[in-house]
Amino acid sequence: MKINDYILQAKFPNEEATLKQSAFLVNIRLYKSSEHYRDLINNIIKYLGWYLSSAFEGYERPRGISAAVLGIPLSIIGYKDTWQKNRFYINAKIAAHSDLKNTVRSNCECYQLNQPTQTYRYSTIDLEFYDLNGHKVIQKNIGYAEGSYVIQHELNHCYGKTIVEKDE
């Protein structure tokens, strides 16, 4: 399987424009009240899970994914935690962060840069999100070991921010 067959690619102008748009929030009221809407969102989450569990030619196993990168403009992210378990967050946002930013070298499946590019990640974050039961959760003091860098990268996709845009 080729990764390009499953995710948006910045080399295509209409897809790069999509990558630079903010994702829509999942309507939590409908998620809780409508079985069909919940099934739709849960099927998207299953697709994210399939992606995280897949192997692609010439690409190491994915560590994170956003629905936006899969061409689904909703604010849903998934990543592999320290124990390689898939975690999914709906409408996630950084509620607080450390003052310390670390310089990291990173790449992105949408750009497939020849060399990783330099970017910045907060040392720790507090994350506010909805779980798969529609409950609001605040997870505090998430560091690198707990996946904060991957979470920040995937949230950037939800915000329409790409890795090639530099932030200081």
N, C-alpha and C. Protein backbone atom coordinates (compact mmCIF):
# COMPACT_ATOMS: atom_id res chain seq x y z
N MET A 1 0.84 -1.18 0.00
CA MET A 1 0.00 0.00 0.00
C MET A 1 0.88 1.24 0.00
N LYS A 2 0.45 2.23 -0.74
CA LYS A 2 1.17 3.50 -0.79
C LYS A 2 0.41 4.53 0.04
N ILE A 3 1.16 5.23 0.88
CA ILE A 3 0.55 6.21 1.78
C ILE A 3 -0.17 7.31 1.00
N ASN A 4 0.35 7.65 -0.17
CA ASN A 4 -0.25 8.72 -0.99
C ASN A 4 -1.68 8.40 -1.42
N ASP A 5 -2.04 7.13 -1.40
CA ASP A 5 -3.39 6.74 -1.80
C ASP A 5 -4.43 6.94 -0.70
N TYR A 6 -3.97 7.35 0.49
CA TYR A 6 -4.89 7.45 1.63
C TYR A 6 -4.93 8.82 2.29
N ILE A 7 -3.93 9.65 2.02
CA ILE A 7 -3.89 10.96 2.69
C ILE A 7 -3.77 12.08 1.65
N LEU A 8 -4.16 13.28 2.08
CA LEU A 8 -4.01 14.45 1.22
C LEU A 8 -2.53 14.71 0.98
N GLN A 9 -2.21 15.20 -0.21
CA GLN A 9 -0.82 15.49 -0.58
C GLN A 9 -0.70 16.96 -0.96
N ALA A 10 0.23 17.65 -0.32
CA ALA A 10 0.41 19.08 -0.55
C ALA A 10 0.87 19.39 -1.97
N LYS A 11 1.41 18.41 -2.67
CA LYS A 11 1.88 18.67 -4.03
C LYS A 11 0.73 18.94 -5.01
N PHE A 12 -0.50 18.61 -4.61
CA PHE A 12 -1.67 18.91 -5.41
C PHE A 12 -2.30 20.19 -4.88
N PRO A 13 -2.39 21.26 -5.69
CA PRO A 13 -2.84 22.56 -5.18
C PRO A 13 -4.17 22.53 -4.44
N ASN A 14 -5.16 21.81 -4.93
CA ASN A 14 -6.45 21.80 -4.23
C ASN A 14 -6.34 21.07 -2.89
N GLU A 15 -5.46 20.08 -2.81
CA GLU A 15 -5.28 19.37 -1.54
C GLU A 15 -4.47 20.20 -0.55
N GLU A 16 -3.49 20.94 -1.04
CA GLU A 16 -2.74 21.82 -0.13
C GLU A 16 -3.67 22.89 0.44
N ALA A 17 -4.56 23.42 -0.38
CA ALA A 17 -5.53 24.41 0.11
C ALA A 17 -6.41 23.80 1.20
N THR A 18 -6.81 22.55 1.03
CA THR A 18 -7.62 21.87 2.04
C THR A 18 -6.83 21.69 3.33
N LEU A 19 -5.55 21.33 3.21
CA LEU A 19 -4.71 21.16 4.39
C LEU A 19 -4.56 22.45 5.19
N LYS A 20 -4.72 23.58 4.54
CA LYS A 20 -4.55 24.88 5.21
C LYS A 20 -5.85 25.44 5.76
N GLN A 21 -6.91 24.65 5.73
CA GLN A 21 -8.20 25.09 6.29
C GLN A 21 -8.41 24.46 7.65
N SER A 22 -9.03 25.20 8.54
CA SER A 22 -9.37 24.65 9.86
C SER A 22 -10.46 23.59 9.72
N ALA A 23 -10.35 22.57 10.53
CA ALA A 23 -11.35 21.50 10.54
C ALA A 23 -12.59 21.96 11.30
N PHE A 24 -13.72 21.36 10.98
CA PHE A 24 -14.96 21.63 11.70
C PHE A 24 -14.98 20.86 13.01
N LEU A 25 -15.59 21.44 14.02
CA LEU A 25 -15.77 20.73 15.29
C LEU A 25 -16.87 19.69 15.12
N VAL A 26 -16.70 18.56 15.76
CA VAL A 26 -17.76 17.55 15.83
C VAL A 26 -18.85 18.11 16.74
N ASN A 27 -20.10 18.00 16.33
CA ASN A 27 -21.21 18.49 17.15
C ASN A 27 -21.46 17.46 18.26
N ILE A 28 -21.05 17.81 19.47
CA ILE A 28 -21.13 16.88 20.59
C ILE A 28 -22.58 16.61 21.00
N ARG A 29 -23.45 17.60 20.87
CA ARG A 29 -24.86 17.36 21.19
C ARG A 29 -25.42 16.26 20.29
N LEU A 30 -25.14 16.34 18.98
CA LEU A 30 -25.61 15.30 18.06
C LEU A 30 -24.90 13.97 18.31
N TYR A 31 -23.62 14.05 18.66
CA TYR A 31 -22.86 12.83 18.95
C TYR A 31 -23.51 12.06 20.10
N LYS A 32 -24.03 12.80 21.08
CA LYS A 32 -24.67 12.17 22.23
C LYS A 32 -26.10 11.74 21.94
N SER A 33 -26.81 12.50 21.10
CA SER A 33 -28.25 12.25 20.95
C SER A 33 -28.64 11.42 19.73
N SER A 34 -27.83 11.44 18.70
CA SER A 34 -28.20 10.77 17.45
C SER A 34 -27.33 9.54 17.20
N GLU A 35 -27.96 8.39 17.23
CA GLU A 35 -27.23 7.14 16.99
C GLU A 35 -26.56 7.14 15.63
N HIS A 36 -27.22 7.68 14.61
CA HIS A 36 -26.66 7.67 13.26
C HIS A 36 -25.47 8.62 13.13
N TYR A 37 -25.57 9.79 13.76
CA TYR A 37 -24.44 10.73 13.74
C TYR A 37 -23.26 10.12 14.49
N ARG A 38 -23.51 9.53 15.65
CA ARG A 38 -22.46 8.88 16.45
C ARG A 38 -21.81 7.75 15.64
N ASP A 39 -22.63 6.95 14.94
CA ASP A 39 -22.08 5.88 14.10
C ASP A 39 -21.17 6.45 13.01
N LEU A 40 -21.59 7.56 12.41
CA LEU A 40 -20.77 8.20 11.38
C LEU A 40 -19.42 8.61 11.95
N ILE A 41 -19.43 9.30 13.09
CA ILE A 41 -18.18 9.75 13.71
C ILE A 41 -17.33 8.55 14.14
N ASN A 42 -17.96 7.55 14.72
CA ASN A 42 -17.22 6.36 15.15
C ASN A 42 -16.62 5.59 13.97
N ASN A 43 -17.29 5.61 12.82
CA ASN A 43 -16.70 4.99 11.62
C ASN A 43 -15.48 5.77 11.14
N ILE A 44 -15.51 7.08 11.27
CA ILE A 44 -14.33 7.89 10.94
C ILE A 44 -13.19 7.52 11.88
N ILE A 45 -13.50 7.37 13.16
CA ILE A 45 -12.48 6.99 14.14
C ILE A 45 -11.93 5.60 13.84
N LYS A 46 -12.77 4.68 13.41
CA LYS A 46 -12.29 3.35 13.01
C LYS A 46 -11.33 3.47 11.83
N TYR A 47 -11.63 4.37 10.91
CA TYR A 47 -10.74 4.59 9.76
C TYR A 47 -9.39 5.14 10.23
N LEU A 48 -9.40 6.06 11.17
CA LEU A 48 -8.14 6.56 11.74
C LEU A 48 -7.37 5.41 12.39
N GLY A 49 -8.09 4.54 13.10
CA GLY A 49 -7.45 3.38 13.73
C GLY A 49 -6.84 2.44 12.72
N TRP A 50 -7.56 2.21 11.63
CA TRP A 50 -7.02 1.36 10.56
C TRP A 50 -5.73 1.97 10.02
N TYR A 51 -5.75 3.28 9.78
CA TYR A 51 -4.57 3.97 9.26
C TYR A 51 -3.39 3.80 10.21
N LEU A 52 -3.62 4.02 11.51
CA LEU A 52 -2.53 3.91 12.50
C LEU A 52 -1.97 2.49 12.58
N SER A 53 -2.75 1.50 12.22
CA SER A 53 -2.31 0.11 12.30
C SER A 53 -1.74 -0.41 10.98
N SER A 54 -1.71 0.42 9.97
CA SER A 54 -1.30 -0.03 8.64
C SER A 54 0.19 0.22 8.40
N ALA A 55 0.74 -0.59 7.51
CA ALA A 55 2.11 -0.42 7.05
C ALA A 55 2.05 0.08 5.60
N PHE A 56 2.88 1.06 5.29
CA PHE A 56 2.89 1.64 3.96
C PHE A 56 4.29 1.53 3.35
N GLU A 57 4.33 1.36 2.03
CA GLU A 57 5.60 1.24 1.33
C GLU A 57 6.45 2.49 1.56
N GLY A 58 7.69 2.28 1.98
CA GLY A 58 8.64 3.39 2.11
C GLY A 58 8.32 4.36 3.23
N TYR A 59 7.48 3.97 4.17
CA TYR A 59 7.10 4.88 5.25
C TYR A 59 7.00 4.08 6.53
N GLU A 60 7.63 4.60 7.58
CA GLU A 60 7.52 3.89 8.86
C GLU A 60 6.08 3.94 9.34
N ARG A 61 5.75 3.05 10.22
CA ARG A 61 4.38 3.00 10.74
C ARG A 61 3.97 4.35 11.32
N PRO A 62 2.78 4.83 10.98
CA PRO A 62 2.34 6.14 11.48
C PRO A 62 2.23 6.16 13.00
N ARG A 63 2.57 7.33 13.57
CA ARG A 63 2.43 7.53 15.02
C ARG A 63 1.20 8.36 15.35
N GLY A 64 0.72 9.12 14.36
CA GLY A 64 -0.45 9.96 14.59
C GLY A 64 -1.16 10.25 13.29
N ILE A 65 -2.41 10.70 13.41
CA ILE A 65 -3.20 11.05 12.22
C ILE A 65 -4.34 11.97 12.66
N SER A 66 -4.72 12.85 11.76
CA SER A 66 -5.93 13.66 11.96
C SER A 66 -6.90 13.32 10.85
N ALA A 67 -8.18 13.44 11.16
CA ALA A 67 -9.19 13.19 10.13
C ALA A 67 -8.97 14.14 8.95
N ALA A 68 -8.53 15.36 9.23
CA ALA A 68 -8.31 16.35 8.17
C ALA A 68 -7.31 15.85 7.13
N VAL A 69 -6.26 15.18 7.57
CA VAL A 69 -5.24 14.66 6.64
C VAL A 69 -5.80 13.53 5.78
N LEU A 70 -6.80 12.83 6.30
CA LEU A 70 -7.45 11.77 5.53
C LEU A 70 -8.54 12.32 4.62
N GLY A 71 -8.64 13.66 4.54
CA GLY A 71 -9.62 14.29 3.66
C GLY A 71 -10.98 14.44 4.30
N ILE A 72 -11.07 14.26 5.61
CA ILE A 72 -12.33 14.39 6.35
C ILE A 72 -12.18 15.61 7.26
N PRO A 73 -12.78 16.73 6.93
CA PRO A 73 -12.49 17.99 7.63
C PRO A 73 -13.16 18.14 9.00
N LEU A 74 -12.94 17.15 9.86
CA LEU A 74 -13.48 17.19 11.22
C LEU A 74 -12.33 17.16 12.22
N SER A 75 -12.54 17.76 13.37
CA SER A 75 -11.52 17.86 14.41
C SER A 75 -11.47 16.58 15.24
N ILE A 76 -10.84 15.57 14.67
CA ILE A 76 -10.64 14.28 15.32
C ILE A 76 -9.19 13.88 15.08
N ILE A 77 -8.49 13.52 16.15
CA ILE A 77 -7.11 13.06 15.99
C ILE A 77 -6.94 11.71 16.66
N GLY A 78 -5.94 10.99 16.20
CA GLY A 78 -5.57 9.72 16.80
C GLY A 78 -4.06 9.61 16.84
N TYR A 79 -3.55 8.87 17.82
CA TYR A 79 -2.11 8.64 17.89
C TYR A 79 -1.85 7.37 18.68
N LYS A 80 -0.63 6.87 18.57
CA LYS A 80 -0.20 5.71 19.34
C LYS A 80 0.47 6.20 20.61
N ASP A 81 0.00 5.71 21.76
CA ASP A 81 0.60 6.12 23.02
C ASP A 81 1.89 5.33 23.27
N THR A 82 2.47 5.52 24.43
CA THR A 82 3.74 4.89 24.79
C THR A 82 3.68 3.37 24.65
N TRP A 83 2.52 2.79 24.90
CA TRP A 83 2.36 1.34 24.85
C TRP A 83 1.80 0.87 23.50
N GLN A 84 1.85 1.77 22.49
CA GLN A 84 1.38 1.47 21.14
C GLN A 84 -0.11 1.23 21.06
N LYS A 85 -0.85 1.77 22.02
CA LYS A 85 -2.31 1.69 21.99
C LYS A 85 -2.86 2.93 21.29
N ASN A 86 -3.83 2.73 20.42
CA ASN A 86 -4.45 3.85 19.73
C ASN A 86 -5.28 4.68 20.70
N ARG A 87 -5.10 6.00 20.65
CA ARG A 87 -5.88 6.95 21.44
C ARG A 87 -6.56 7.91 20.47
N PHE A 88 -7.81 8.28 20.76
CA PHE A 88 -8.55 9.17 19.88
C PHE A 88 -9.15 10.30 20.68
N TYR A 89 -9.09 11.50 20.12
CA TYR A 89 -9.63 12.69 20.77
C TYR A 89 -10.52 13.44 19.80
N ILE A 90 -11.68 13.84 20.28
CA ILE A 90 -12.63 14.62 19.50
C ILE A 90 -12.56 16.06 19.98
N ASN A 91 -12.49 17.00 19.04
CA ASN A 91 -12.46 18.44 19.34
C ASN A 91 -11.39 18.80 20.36
N ALA A 92 -10.23 18.21 20.23
CA ALA A 92 -9.14 18.46 21.17
C ALA A 92 -8.59 19.86 20.99
N LYS A 93 -8.14 20.43 22.10
CA LYS A 93 -7.44 21.72 22.06
C LYS A 93 -6.50 21.79 23.24
N ILE A 94 -5.44 22.54 23.05
CA ILE A 94 -4.48 22.74 24.13
C ILE A 94 -5.07 23.77 25.07
N ALA A 95 -5.31 23.34 26.32
CA ALA A 95 -5.90 24.23 27.33
C ALA A 95 -4.83 25.05 28.03
N ALA A 96 -3.64 24.51 28.13
CA ALA A 96 -2.50 25.20 28.75
C ALA A 96 -1.23 24.52 28.25
N HIS A 97 -0.12 25.21 28.38
CA HIS A 97 1.15 24.64 27.96
C HIS A 97 2.28 25.24 28.75
N SER A 98 3.40 24.55 28.74
CA SER A 98 4.60 25.05 29.41
C SER A 98 5.11 26.28 28.65
N ASP A 99 5.90 27.08 29.34
CA ASP A 99 6.57 28.20 28.67
C ASP A 99 7.69 27.69 27.78
N LEU A 100 8.26 26.57 28.16
CA LEU A 100 9.39 26.01 27.43
C LEU A 100 8.93 25.37 26.12
N LYS A 101 9.57 25.80 25.02
CA LYS A 101 9.36 25.18 23.71
C LYS A 101 10.66 24.48 23.34
N ASN A 102 10.54 23.27 22.84
CA ASN A 102 11.70 22.52 22.39
C ASN A 102 11.79 22.56 20.87
N THR A 103 13.01 22.68 20.38
CA THR A 103 13.26 22.61 18.95
C THR A 103 13.33 21.14 18.57
N VAL A 104 12.55 20.76 17.57
CA VAL A 104 12.54 19.37 17.12
C VAL A 104 12.67 19.32 15.60
N ARG A 105 13.10 18.18 15.12
CA ARG A 105 13.14 17.95 13.67
C ARG A 105 12.03 16.97 13.36
N SER A 106 11.19 17.34 12.39
CA SER A 106 10.02 16.55 12.11
C SER A 106 9.72 16.53 10.62
N ASN A 107 8.91 15.59 10.22
CA ASN A 107 8.46 15.49 8.84
C ASN A 107 6.95 15.31 8.88
N CYS A 108 6.34 15.30 7.73
CA CYS A 108 4.89 15.16 7.66
C CYS A 108 4.54 14.33 6.44
N GLU A 109 3.63 13.38 6.63
CA GLU A 109 3.24 12.51 5.53
C GLU A 109 2.61 13.27 4.37
N CYS A 110 2.05 14.45 4.63
CA CYS A 110 1.42 15.25 3.57
C CYS A 110 2.45 15.93 2.67
N TYR A 111 3.61 16.21 3.24
CA TYR A 111 4.66 16.92 2.49
C TYR A 111 5.79 15.99 2.06
N GLN A 112 6.03 14.95 2.82
CA GLN A 112 7.10 14.00 2.53
C GLN A 112 8.38 14.72 2.11
N LEU A 113 8.86 15.55 3.01
CA LEU A 113 10.07 16.32 2.77
C LEU A 113 11.28 15.40 2.66
N ASN A 114 12.27 15.81 1.87
CA ASN A 114 13.48 15.00 1.73
C ASN A 114 14.23 14.90 3.05
N GLN A 115 14.18 15.96 3.83
CA GLN A 115 14.84 16.02 5.14
C GLN A 115 13.82 16.54 6.15
N PRO A 116 13.88 16.06 7.37
CA PRO A 116 12.99 16.64 8.40
C PRO A 116 13.26 18.14 8.54
N THR A 117 12.25 18.88 8.88
CA THR A 117 12.37 20.32 9.05
C THR A 117 12.35 20.67 10.54
N GLN A 118 12.93 21.80 10.86
CA GLN A 118 12.95 22.24 12.25
C GLN A 118 11.62 22.90 12.60
N THR A 119 11.09 22.54 13.74
CA THR A 119 9.86 23.14 14.24
C THR A 119 9.94 23.18 15.76
N TYR A 120 8.89 23.63 16.39
CA TYR A 120 8.90 23.79 17.85
C TYR A 120 7.70 23.09 18.45
N ARG A 121 7.89 22.54 19.63
CA ARG A 121 6.82 21.89 20.38
C ARG A 121 6.93 22.31 21.84
N TYR A 122 5.77 22.54 22.46
CA TYR A 122 5.76 22.81 23.89
C TYR A 122 6.26 21.57 24.63
N SER A 123 7.01 21.79 25.69
CA SER A 123 7.55 20.70 26.48
C SER A 123 6.42 19.86 27.09
N THR A 124 5.41 20.52 27.66
CA THR A 124 4.24 19.82 28.19
C THR A 124 2.98 20.59 27.81
N ILE A 125 1.88 19.87 27.74
CA ILE A 125 0.59 20.48 27.43
C ILE A 125 -0.49 19.91 28.35
N ASP A 126 -1.53 20.70 28.55
CA ASP A 126 -2.78 20.22 29.13
C ASP A 126 -3.76 20.17 27.96
N LEU A 127 -4.44 19.07 27.81
CA LEU A 127 -5.31 18.86 26.66
C LEU A 127 -6.76 18.73 27.10
N GLU A 128 -7.62 19.48 26.44
CA GLU A 128 -9.06 19.38 26.66
C GLU A 128 -9.65 18.73 25.42
N PHE A 129 -10.50 17.72 25.62
CA PHE A 129 -11.08 17.00 24.49
C PHE A 129 -12.33 16.27 24.94
N TYR A 130 -13.02 15.69 23.96
CA TYR A 130 -14.14 14.81 24.24
C TYR A 130 -13.69 13.38 23.96
N ASP A 131 -14.06 12.47 24.84
CA ASP A 131 -13.72 11.06 24.64
C ASP A 131 -14.78 10.40 23.75
N LEU A 132 -14.64 9.12 23.54
CA LEU A 132 -15.54 8.40 22.63
C LEU A 132 -16.94 8.18 23.21
N ASN A 133 -17.13 8.58 24.47
CA ASN A 133 -18.47 8.55 25.08
C ASN A 133 -19.10 9.94 25.09
N GLY A 134 -18.40 10.92 24.53
CA GLY A 134 -18.93 12.28 24.49
C GLY A 134 -18.71 13.05 25.78
N HIS A 135 -17.84 12.55 26.65
CA HIS A 135 -17.54 13.24 27.91
C HIS A 135 -16.35 14.17 27.74
N LYS A 136 -16.46 15.37 28.29
CA LYS A 136 -15.35 16.31 28.26
C LYS A 136 -14.28 15.85 29.26
N VAL A 137 -13.03 15.86 28.79
CA VAL A 137 -11.90 15.40 29.60
C VAL A 137 -10.81 16.46 29.54
N ILE A 138 -10.13 16.66 30.64
CA ILE A 138 -8.93 17.48 30.65
C ILE A 138 -7.80 16.60 31.16
N GLN A 139 -6.80 16.42 30.32
CA GLN A 139 -5.64 15.62 30.67
C GLN A 139 -4.48 16.58 30.88
N LYS A 140 -3.87 16.54 32.05
CA LYS A 140 -2.85 17.53 32.41
C LYS A 140 -1.44 16.98 32.29
N ASN A 141 -0.53 17.92 32.00
CA ASN A 141 0.91 17.68 32.05
C ASN A 141 1.35 16.53 31.12
N ILE A 142 0.90 16.56 29.91
CA ILE A 142 1.30 15.56 28.91
C ILE A 142 2.66 15.97 28.35
N GLY A 143 3.63 15.11 28.50
CA GLY A 143 4.98 15.39 28.01
C GLY A 143 5.31 14.57 26.78
N TYR A 144 6.56 14.67 26.39
CA TYR A 144 7.03 13.97 25.19
C TYR A 144 6.75 12.46 25.28
N ALA A 145 7.07 11.85 26.41
CA ALA A 145 6.90 10.40 26.56
C ALA A 145 5.44 9.99 26.41
N GLU A 146 4.53 10.88 26.75
CA GLU A 146 3.09 10.58 26.64
C GLU A 146 2.51 10.95 25.28
N GLY A 147 3.34 11.45 24.38
CA GLY A 147 2.87 11.74 23.02
C GLY A 147 2.55 13.18 22.72
N SER A 148 3.00 14.12 23.56
CA SER A 148 2.61 15.52 23.35
C SER A 148 3.07 16.08 22.01
N TYR A 149 4.23 15.69 21.52
CA TYR A 149 4.71 16.23 20.24
C TYR A 149 3.82 15.76 19.09
N VAL A 150 3.44 14.49 19.11
CA VAL A 150 2.56 13.95 18.06
C VAL A 150 1.19 14.63 18.15
N ILE A 151 0.67 14.78 19.36
CA ILE A 151 -0.62 15.45 19.54
C ILE A 151 -0.57 16.86 18.98
N GLN A 152 0.49 17.60 19.30
CA GLN A 152 0.61 18.98 18.81
C GLN A 152 0.68 19.02 17.28
N HIS A 153 1.40 18.08 16.70
CA HIS A 153 1.49 18.01 15.23
C HIS A 153 0.11 17.76 14.62
N GLU A 154 -0.62 16.80 15.16
CA GLU A 154 -1.94 16.48 14.61
C GLU A 154 -2.95 17.61 14.85
N LEU A 155 -2.86 18.27 15.99
CA LEU A 155 -3.73 19.43 16.24
C LEU A 155 -3.45 20.54 15.23
N ASN A 156 -2.18 20.72 14.87
CA ASN A 156 -1.86 21.73 13.85
C ASN A 156 -2.62 21.44 12.56
N HIS A 157 -2.75 20.17 12.19
CA HIS A 157 -3.54 19.83 11.00
C HIS A 157 -4.99 20.27 11.18
N CYS A 158 -5.54 20.08 12.36
CA CYS A 158 -6.93 20.49 12.62
C CYS A 158 -7.09 22.01 12.54
N TYR A 159 -6.02 22.73 12.86
CA TYR A 159 -6.05 24.20 12.81
C TYR A 159 -5.69 24.75 11.43
N GLY A 160 -5.36 23.87 10.49
CA GLY A 160 -4.99 24.31 9.15
C GLY A 160 -3.57 24.81 9.06
N LYS A 161 -2.75 24.43 10.01
CA LYS A 161 -1.35 24.87 10.04
C LYS A 161 -0.48 23.71 9.57
N THR A 162 0.45 23.99 8.68
CA THR A 162 1.30 22.94 8.13
C THR A 162 2.70 23.02 8.70
N ILE A 163 3.42 21.94 8.60
CA ILE A 163 4.77 21.85 9.16
C ILE A 163 5.77 22.76 8.44
N VAL A 164 5.47 23.13 7.22
CA VAL A 164 6.39 23.99 6.49
C VAL A 164 6.23 25.47 6.84
N GLU A 165 5.18 25.79 7.60
CA GLU A 165 5.00 27.15 8.09
C GLU A 165 5.75 27.27 9.41
N LYS A 166 6.69 28.18 9.48
CA LYS A 166 7.54 28.31 10.67
C LYS A 166 6.85 29.15 11.73
N ASP A 167 6.95 28.67 12.96
CA ASP A 167 6.46 29.47 14.09
C ASP A 167 7.57 29.55 15.11
N GLU A 168 7.74 30.66 15.67
CA GLU A 168 8.81 30.84 16.67
C GLU A 168 8.23 30.81 18.05
